[in-house]
Amino acid sequence: PAPLNPPSPGEPGGLDNDTTPIDETPQPEASGQGAARVVERYYGLIEAGRYRQAYDLWAPGQAEMNAAAFARSFDRYAEYHANIGAPGEIEGAAGSRYVTVPVQPYGRLKAGNRPFNMRGSATLHRTGDIDGATAEQRRWRISSTDLKPRPADPSPAPTEPGVALVMPLGTASSR
């Protein structure tokens, strides 16, 4: 098949064209960049077929399916990749911290070898640095996405923003 060429930043279906230079110095795990690294790791695990490890990056009960169904939801893909955008500002309330990270899953379906491209975001949550919070509670976990996980179905591949397709949080290629 022809190489995949997802829309570039600033093009329809691509990530925002944010020309702000990225600070490449090490960032704390609690930072927005720390959350983006979780999303990158998540997509890398999915691209590698390590679905159980990817599933474990969701906050407990938030993936809306069990680990086996999560893994099966990727059966329809021949290739699965994603571009990761810059995280938004960290927001907080009552000891909780949230950040949204834009994502652009793309790849190829097994059926008909058809390419797909989507755009959405993942929201991550962690407990703030408060007395009594465990190290596990202070780790970023995926709490929601506008590209919801769901069991596989035979519907055609979406190409417009915000359309859900199986589990479109996919790989760690940050471009």
Foldseek 3Di string as FASTA:
>chain_A
DDDDDQDDAPDALYNDPDPPDDDPDDDDCLAQVVLLVLLQVLQACVQVLVQQVSVVLADPPQLVDDSVQLSQLCVFFPGKGKAKARKDHWDDDDQKIKIKIKMWMWHFTPVVRHIAIEIWIWMWMAGHPDPPGDPVRRGTGTRDILQHADGADDDDHDHHYSDHHHDRSHHNDHD
